[in-house]
C-alpha atoms as a PDB file:
ATOM      1  CA  MET A   1       7.392   1.867 -12.973  1.00  0.00           C
ATOM      2  CA  PRO A   2       4.359  -0.172 -11.176  1.00  0.00           C
ATOM      3  CA  CYS A   3       4.282  -1.517  -7.917  1.00  0.00           C
ATOM      4  CA  LEU A   4       7.330  -3.222  -6.628  1.00  0.00           C
ATOM      5  CA  ALA A   5       6.107  -5.909  -4.676  1.00  0.00           C
ATOM      6  CA  PHE A   6       3.550  -6.588  -7.297  1.00  0.00           C
ATOM      7  CA  GLN A   7       6.516  -7.027  -9.801  1.00  0.00           C
ATOM      8  CA  LYS A   8       8.118 -10.049  -7.375  1.00  0.00           C
ATOM      9  CA  ILE A   9      10.265  -7.173  -5.832  1.00  0.00           C
ATOM     10  CA  SER A  10      10.660  -6.679  -1.598  1.00  0.00           C
ATOM     11  CA  CYS A  11       8.825  -3.345  -0.730  1.00  0.00           C
ATOM     12  CA  ASP A  12       7.220  -2.992   1.936  1.00  0.00           C
ATOM     13  CA  TYR A  13       7.343   0.990   2.946  1.00  0.00           C
ATOM     14  CA  CYS A  14       3.548   1.029   2.319  1.00  0.00           C
ATOM     15  CA  LEU A  15       3.098  -1.728   5.127  1.00  0.00           C
ATOM     16  CA  ARG A  16       5.937  -0.200   7.685  1.00  0.00           C
ATOM     17  CA  ALA A  17       4.354   3.817   7.102  1.00  0.00           C
ATOM     18  CA  CYS A  18       0.746   2.918   7.527  1.00  0.00           C
ATOM     19  CA  PRO A  19       0.014   4.458  10.935  1.00  0.00           C
ATOM     20  CA  GLU A  20      -3.445   1.667  11.185  1.00  0.00           C
ATOM     21  CA  LYS A  21      -1.529  -1.452  10.549  1.00  0.00           C
ATOM     22  CA  ALA A  22      -3.924  -1.896   7.829  1.00  0.00           C
ATOM     23  CA  LEU A  23      -1.872  -3.695   5.715  1.00  0.00           C
ATOM     24  CA  THR A  24      -0.350  -7.443   5.596  1.00  0.00           C
ATOM     25  CA  LEU A  25       2.017  -9.183   3.253  1.00  0.00           C
ATOM     26  CA  ASN A  26      -0.022 -12.339   1.517  1.00  0.00           C
ATOM     27  CA  ASN A  27       2.544 -14.223  -0.900  1.00  0.00           C
ATOM     28  CA  GLY A  28       4.916 -10.795  -0.599  1.00  0.00           C
ATOM     29  CA  LEU A  29       1.869  -8.950  -1.750  1.00  0.00           C
ATOM     30  CA  PRO A  30       0.712  -6.292  -0.263  1.00  0.00           C
ATOM     31  CA  GLU A  31      -3.077  -6.767   0.953  1.00  0.00           C
ATOM     32  CA  LEU A  32      -5.939  -4.116   2.845  1.00  0.00           C
ATOM     33  CA  ASN A  33      -7.724  -5.568   5.538  1.00  0.00           C
ATOM     34  CA  GLY A  34     -10.303  -3.646   8.043  1.00  0.00           C
ATOM     35  CA  ARG A  35      -8.869  -1.269   9.650  1.00  0.00           C
ATOM     36  CA  CYS A  36      -7.741   0.807   6.614  1.00  0.00           C
ATOM     37  CA  THR A  37      -9.511   4.611   7.363  1.00  0.00           C
ATOM     38  CA  GLY A  38      -8.511   6.069   3.704  1.00  0.00           C
ATOM     39  CA  CYS A  39      -5.676   8.075   4.928  1.00  0.00           C
ATOM     40  CA  GLY A  40      -3.586   8.075   2.388  1.00  0.00           C
ATOM     41  CA  VAL A  41      -0.201   7.402   3.496  1.00  0.00           C
ATOM     42  CA  CYS A  42       0.374   4.147   1.629  1.00  0.00           C
ATOM     43  CA  THR A  43       0.268   5.883  -1.604  1.00  0.00           C
ATOM     44  CA  ALA A  44       2.149   9.242  -0.070  1.00  0.00           C
ATOM     45  CA  ILE A  45       5.382   7.290   1.022  1.00  0.00           C
ATOM     46  CA  CYS A  46       5.283   4.409  -2.309  1.00  0.00           C
ATOM     47  CA  ILE A  47       8.235   4.864  -4.129  1.00  0.00           C
ATOM     48  CA  SER A  48       6.668   4.029  -7.840  1.00  0.00           C
ATOM     49  CA  ASP A  49       4.779   6.084 -10.100  1.00  0.00           C
ATOM     50  CA  TYR A  50       1.815   3.093  -9.927  1.00  0.00           C
ATOM     51  CA  LYS A  51       0.981   2.800  -6.702  1.00  0.00           C
ATOM     52  CA  GLY A  52      -0.846  -0.669  -5.783  1.00  0.00           C
ATOM     53  CA  PHE A  53      -3.056   1.386  -4.053  1.00  0.00           C
ATOM     54  CA  TRP A  54      -5.415   4.495  -4.405  1.00  0.00           C
ATOM     55  CA  VAL A  55      -7.740   5.984  -1.854  1.00  0.00           C
ATOM     56  CA  ASP A  56     -11.037   7.353  -3.383  1.00  0.00           C
ATOM     57  CA  PHE A  57     -12.818   9.758  -1.841  1.00  0.00           C
ATOM     58  CA  PRO A  58     -16.804   9.834  -2.107  1.00  0.00           C
ATOM     59  CA  SER A  59     -17.659  12.467  -3.771  1.00  0.00           C
END
């Protein structure tokens, strides 16, 4: 199941879980702002199989 917000279903799990308040809703879709630290809480709390965000750690 893809990210619920991108399916036009109201969901804000990632937004509420973010400790840095790095997510906002733009027309109902989650959007990252400059506060993101890459902690991954948003993807860990997400209830969808396919996340709206991915944390990419540099190798």
